[in-house]
Amino acid sequence: MEEDIGLRISRRWSFETGCTATNYVGGMVERPQDDPGAPPRYFACLAPIAQAQIEKTWDPIGLAGTGSHNVIFDDLLVPWNRIFKWPDGKPRNAYP
């Protein structure tokens, strides 16, 4: 859901490499257009791992340290300065 200060998400992102040793993870969000016939809009979001549930799905011998697990966000507000249009990658808001 879009809000004035950001985008509220409830998402599961799969195979987030490094999620056990980082502050933020990135993932895609699909948003419908206001016009029902228009194609959806896509955004890349940077979300704080501290507000995620990590679902440990990757534990092969010798590679467990990569931290490539699924992450789950439930009703997280991501501010617009951590959201980018996809695929052009330009910030939606100018940084100070």
N, C-alpha and C. Protein backbone atom coordinates (compact mmCIF):
# COMPACT_ATOMS: atom_id res chain seq x y z
N MET A 1 0.83 -1.16 0.00
CA MET A 1 0.00 0.00 0.00
C MET A 1 0.89 1.25 0.00
N GLU A 2 0.58 2.18 -0.87
CA GLU A 2 1.36 3.42 -0.94
C GLU A 2 0.86 4.41 0.10
N GLU A 3 1.80 5.05 0.80
CA GLU A 3 1.51 6.08 1.77
C GLU A 3 2.34 7.31 1.43
N ASP A 4 2.05 8.44 2.05
CA ASP A 4 2.79 9.66 1.76
C ASP A 4 4.28 9.51 1.99
N ILE A 5 4.67 8.76 3.01
CA ILE A 5 6.09 8.68 3.36
C ILE A 5 6.78 7.42 2.85
N GLY A 6 6.03 6.52 2.22
CA GLY A 6 6.67 5.31 1.72
C GLY A 6 5.67 4.27 1.27
N LEU A 7 6.16 3.07 1.18
CA LEU A 7 5.40 1.93 0.70
C LEU A 7 5.32 0.89 1.81
N ARG A 8 4.13 0.47 2.14
CA ARG A 8 3.94 -0.56 3.17
C ARG A 8 3.94 -1.91 2.48
N ILE A 9 4.83 -2.81 2.93
CA ILE A 9 4.96 -4.11 2.26
C ILE A 9 4.78 -5.26 3.23
N SER A 10 4.26 -6.32 2.71
CA SER A 10 4.24 -7.63 3.37
C SER A 10 4.71 -8.59 2.28
N ARG A 11 5.94 -9.05 2.40
CA ARG A 11 6.57 -9.81 1.32
C ARG A 11 7.46 -10.91 1.86
N ARG A 12 7.69 -11.89 1.00
CA ARG A 12 8.70 -12.93 1.22
C ARG A 12 9.65 -12.85 0.03
N TRP A 13 10.91 -12.61 0.33
CA TRP A 13 11.93 -12.58 -0.70
C TRP A 13 12.81 -13.81 -0.52
N SER A 14 13.01 -14.54 -1.59
CA SER A 14 13.76 -15.79 -1.53
C SER A 14 15.24 -15.58 -1.80
N PHE A 15 16.04 -16.43 -1.18
CA PHE A 15 17.48 -16.52 -1.42
C PHE A 15 18.17 -15.17 -1.31
N GLU A 16 18.03 -14.51 -0.16
CA GLU A 16 18.66 -13.22 0.10
C GLU A 16 20.08 -13.45 0.61
N THR A 17 21.02 -13.53 -0.32
CA THR A 17 22.41 -13.81 0.02
C THR A 17 22.95 -12.76 0.98
N GLY A 18 23.57 -13.21 2.05
CA GLY A 18 24.18 -12.33 3.03
C GLY A 18 23.22 -11.77 4.06
N CYS A 19 21.99 -12.26 4.09
CA CYS A 19 20.99 -11.66 4.99
C CYS A 19 21.33 -11.81 6.47
N THR A 20 22.17 -12.74 6.82
CA THR A 20 22.53 -12.92 8.24
C THR A 20 23.66 -11.99 8.67
N ALA A 21 24.25 -11.25 7.75
CA ALA A 21 25.40 -10.40 8.09
C ALA A 21 25.28 -9.01 7.49
N THR A 22 24.06 -8.52 7.29
CA THR A 22 23.89 -7.21 6.67
C THR A 22 22.87 -6.39 7.44
N ASN A 23 22.75 -5.12 7.11
CA ASN A 23 21.75 -4.26 7.72
C ASN A 23 20.49 -4.16 6.87
N TYR A 24 20.63 -4.25 5.55
CA TYR A 24 19.51 -4.13 4.63
C TYR A 24 19.57 -5.25 3.59
N VAL A 25 18.40 -5.63 3.10
CA VAL A 25 18.30 -6.55 1.97
C VAL A 25 17.42 -5.89 0.92
N GLY A 26 17.59 -6.33 -0.31
CA GLY A 26 16.82 -5.76 -1.41
C GLY A 26 15.89 -6.78 -2.02
N GLY A 27 14.79 -6.29 -2.54
CA GLY A 27 13.83 -7.16 -3.20
C GLY A 27 12.88 -6.36 -4.07
N MET A 28 12.13 -7.09 -4.87
CA MET A 28 11.19 -6.47 -5.80
C MET A 28 9.79 -6.40 -5.21
N VAL A 29 9.09 -5.33 -5.58
CA VAL A 29 7.69 -5.14 -5.20
C VAL A 29 6.93 -4.77 -6.46
N GLU A 30 5.82 -5.44 -6.69
CA GLU A 30 4.95 -5.16 -7.84
C GLU A 30 3.74 -4.39 -7.33
N ARG A 31 3.43 -3.27 -7.97
CA ARG A 31 2.27 -2.45 -7.58
C ARG A 31 1.35 -2.27 -8.78
N PRO A 32 0.05 -2.44 -8.60
CA PRO A 32 -0.87 -2.22 -9.72
C PRO A 32 -0.98 -0.73 -10.07
N GLN A 33 -1.29 -0.46 -11.30
CA GLN A 33 -1.55 0.91 -11.75
C GLN A 33 -2.94 1.34 -11.31
N ASP A 34 -3.20 2.64 -11.32
CA ASP A 34 -4.55 3.13 -11.04
C ASP A 34 -5.52 2.70 -12.13
N ASP A 35 -5.03 2.65 -13.37
CA ASP A 35 -5.84 2.21 -14.51
C ASP A 35 -5.82 0.68 -14.55
N PRO A 36 -6.96 0.01 -14.41
CA PRO A 36 -6.99 -1.46 -14.37
C PRO A 36 -6.36 -2.14 -15.59
N GLY A 37 -6.35 -1.50 -16.75
CA GLY A 37 -5.79 -2.12 -17.94
C GLY A 37 -4.29 -1.93 -18.12
N ALA A 38 -3.69 -1.06 -17.31
CA ALA A 38 -2.26 -0.76 -17.45
C ALA A 38 -1.41 -1.84 -16.80
N PRO A 39 -0.20 -2.06 -17.33
CA PRO A 39 0.68 -3.06 -16.72
C PRO A 39 1.12 -2.60 -15.32
N PRO A 40 1.50 -3.53 -14.46
CA PRO A 40 1.93 -3.15 -13.10
C PRO A 40 3.23 -2.37 -13.11
N ARG A 41 3.49 -1.67 -12.03
CA ARG A 41 4.76 -0.96 -11.82
C ARG A 41 5.63 -1.83 -10.93
N TYR A 42 6.93 -1.76 -11.14
CA TYR A 42 7.86 -2.54 -10.34
C TYR A 42 8.82 -1.60 -9.63
N PHE A 43 9.15 -1.95 -8.38
CA PHE A 43 10.08 -1.18 -7.58
C PHE A 43 11.07 -2.13 -6.92
N ALA A 44 12.29 -1.66 -6.74
CA ALA A 44 13.28 -2.36 -5.92
C ALA A 44 13.31 -1.63 -4.58
N CYS A 45 13.21 -2.39 -3.49
CA CYS A 45 13.17 -1.80 -2.15
C CYS A 45 14.36 -2.28 -1.33
N LEU A 46 14.89 -1.40 -0.50
CA LEU A 46 15.89 -1.76 0.49
C LEU A 46 15.19 -1.77 1.84
N ALA A 47 15.15 -2.93 2.48
CA ALA A 47 14.41 -3.09 3.73
C ALA A 47 15.37 -3.52 4.84
N PRO A 48 15.17 -3.02 6.06
CA PRO A 48 16.06 -3.37 7.17
C PRO A 48 15.86 -4.82 7.62
N ILE A 49 16.95 -5.56 7.66
CA ILE A 49 16.88 -6.97 8.04
C ILE A 49 16.43 -7.14 9.49
N ALA A 50 16.64 -6.13 10.32
CA ALA A 50 16.23 -6.22 11.72
C ALA A 50 14.71 -6.35 11.86
N GLN A 51 13.98 -5.96 10.84
CA GLN A 51 12.52 -6.04 10.89
C GLN A 51 11.99 -7.22 10.07
N ALA A 52 12.85 -8.14 9.75
CA ALA A 52 12.45 -9.33 8.98
C ALA A 52 12.52 -10.58 9.83
N GLN A 53 11.75 -11.54 9.43
CA GLN A 53 11.90 -12.89 9.96
C GLN A 53 12.76 -13.63 8.95
N ILE A 54 13.85 -14.23 9.40
CA ILE A 54 14.71 -15.00 8.50
C ILE A 54 14.29 -16.46 8.57
N GLU A 55 13.92 -16.99 7.43
CA GLU A 55 13.54 -18.40 7.32
C GLU A 55 14.75 -19.16 6.78
N LYS A 56 15.41 -19.91 7.62
CA LYS A 56 16.66 -20.59 7.23
C LYS A 56 16.35 -21.73 6.26
N THR A 57 16.72 -21.49 5.01
CA THR A 57 16.43 -22.44 3.94
C THR A 57 17.68 -22.92 3.22
N TRP A 58 18.84 -22.40 3.60
CA TRP A 58 20.07 -22.70 2.86
C TRP A 58 21.14 -23.12 3.84
N ASP A 59 21.46 -24.43 3.88
CA ASP A 59 22.44 -24.92 4.83
C ASP A 59 23.24 -26.09 4.26
N PRO A 60 23.78 -25.94 3.03
CA PRO A 60 24.58 -27.03 2.50
C PRO A 60 25.97 -27.06 3.14
N ILE A 61 26.55 -28.20 3.15
CA ILE A 61 27.89 -28.35 3.73
C ILE A 61 28.86 -27.41 3.03
N GLY A 62 29.56 -26.61 3.82
CA GLY A 62 30.59 -25.72 3.29
C GLY A 62 30.09 -24.38 2.80
N LEU A 63 28.79 -24.18 2.65
CA LEU A 63 28.28 -22.91 2.15
C LEU A 63 27.29 -22.24 3.10
N ALA A 64 27.14 -22.76 4.30
CA ALA A 64 26.17 -22.21 5.24
C ALA A 64 26.48 -20.75 5.58
N GLY A 65 27.71 -20.35 5.52
CA GLY A 65 28.11 -18.99 5.86
C GLY A 65 27.65 -17.93 4.88
N THR A 66 27.12 -18.33 3.73
CA THR A 66 26.66 -17.33 2.77
C THR A 66 25.39 -16.65 3.23
N GLY A 67 24.65 -17.24 4.15
CA GLY A 67 23.44 -16.63 4.68
C GLY A 67 22.38 -16.42 3.63
N SER A 68 22.24 -17.32 2.71
CA SER A 68 21.29 -17.17 1.61
C SER A 68 19.95 -17.79 1.96
N HIS A 69 19.20 -17.08 2.78
CA HIS A 69 17.92 -17.59 3.27
C HIS A 69 16.77 -16.76 2.71
N ASN A 70 15.55 -17.19 3.00
CA ASN A 70 14.37 -16.39 2.69
C ASN A 70 14.16 -15.39 3.81
N VAL A 71 13.66 -14.20 3.47
CA VAL A 71 13.30 -13.20 4.47
C VAL A 71 11.83 -12.84 4.31
N ILE A 72 11.18 -12.59 5.43
CA ILE A 72 9.74 -12.32 5.43
C ILE A 72 9.50 -11.00 6.15
N PHE A 73 8.81 -10.10 5.47
CA PHE A 73 8.42 -8.82 6.06
C PHE A 73 6.91 -8.80 6.19
N ASP A 74 6.44 -8.35 7.35
CA ASP A 74 5.01 -8.28 7.60
C ASP A 74 4.63 -6.85 7.98
N ASP A 75 3.95 -6.16 7.06
CA ASP A 75 3.46 -4.81 7.29
C ASP A 75 4.59 -3.84 7.63
N LEU A 76 5.62 -3.82 6.80
CA LEU A 76 6.78 -2.95 6.99
C LEU A 76 6.63 -1.69 6.14
N LEU A 77 6.85 -0.53 6.73
CA LEU A 77 6.82 0.73 5.98
C LEU A 77 8.24 1.04 5.52
N VAL A 78 8.45 1.03 4.20
CA VAL A 78 9.75 1.35 3.60
C VAL A 78 9.66 2.78 3.09
N PRO A 79 10.51 3.71 3.58
CA PRO A 79 10.44 5.10 3.13
C PRO A 79 10.84 5.24 1.66
N TRP A 80 10.29 6.27 1.02
CA TRP A 80 10.53 6.46 -0.42
C TRP A 80 12.01 6.58 -0.77
N ASN A 81 12.85 7.07 0.15
CA ASN A 81 14.27 7.21 -0.20
C ASN A 81 15.00 5.87 -0.26
N ARG A 82 14.32 4.76 0.05
CA ARG A 82 14.90 3.43 -0.10
C ARG A 82 14.13 2.61 -1.13
N ILE A 83 13.43 3.30 -2.03
CA ILE A 83 12.64 2.64 -3.07
C ILE A 83 13.04 3.21 -4.42
N PHE A 84 13.26 2.32 -5.39
CA PHE A 84 13.72 2.71 -6.72
C PHE A 84 12.83 2.09 -7.79
N LYS A 85 12.51 2.89 -8.81
CA LYS A 85 11.75 2.35 -9.93
C LYS A 85 12.58 1.27 -10.60
N TRP A 86 11.91 0.29 -11.16
CA TRP A 86 12.59 -0.77 -11.88
C TRP A 86 12.09 -0.74 -13.31
N PRO A 87 12.93 -0.82 -14.29
CA PRO A 87 14.34 -1.20 -14.25
C PRO A 87 15.31 -0.04 -14.32
N ASP A 88 14.87 1.21 -14.34
CA ASP A 88 15.82 2.31 -14.54
C ASP A 88 16.69 2.63 -13.33
N GLY A 89 16.28 2.27 -12.13
CA GLY A 89 17.11 2.42 -10.94
C GLY A 89 17.30 3.83 -10.43
N LYS A 90 16.52 4.79 -10.90
CA LYS A 90 16.65 6.16 -10.41
C LYS A 90 15.86 6.32 -9.12
N PRO A 91 16.40 7.04 -8.13
CA PRO A 91 15.66 7.24 -6.88
C PRO A 91 14.34 7.98 -7.14
N ARG A 92 13.32 7.62 -6.42
CA ARG A 92 12.03 8.30 -6.54
C ARG A 92 12.10 9.68 -5.90
N ASN A 93 12.93 9.85 -4.89
CA ASN A 93 13.12 11.14 -4.22
C ASN A 93 14.59 11.51 -4.31
N ALA A 94 14.84 12.81 -4.41
CA ALA A 94 16.23 13.27 -4.44
C ALA A 94 16.83 13.15 -3.04
N TYR A 95 18.07 12.74 -2.96
CA TYR A 95 18.75 12.69 -1.68
C TYR A 95 19.24 14.09 -1.33
N PRO A 96 19.32 14.41 -0.04
CA PRO A 96 19.81 15.76 0.35
C PRO A 96 21.27 15.95 -0.01
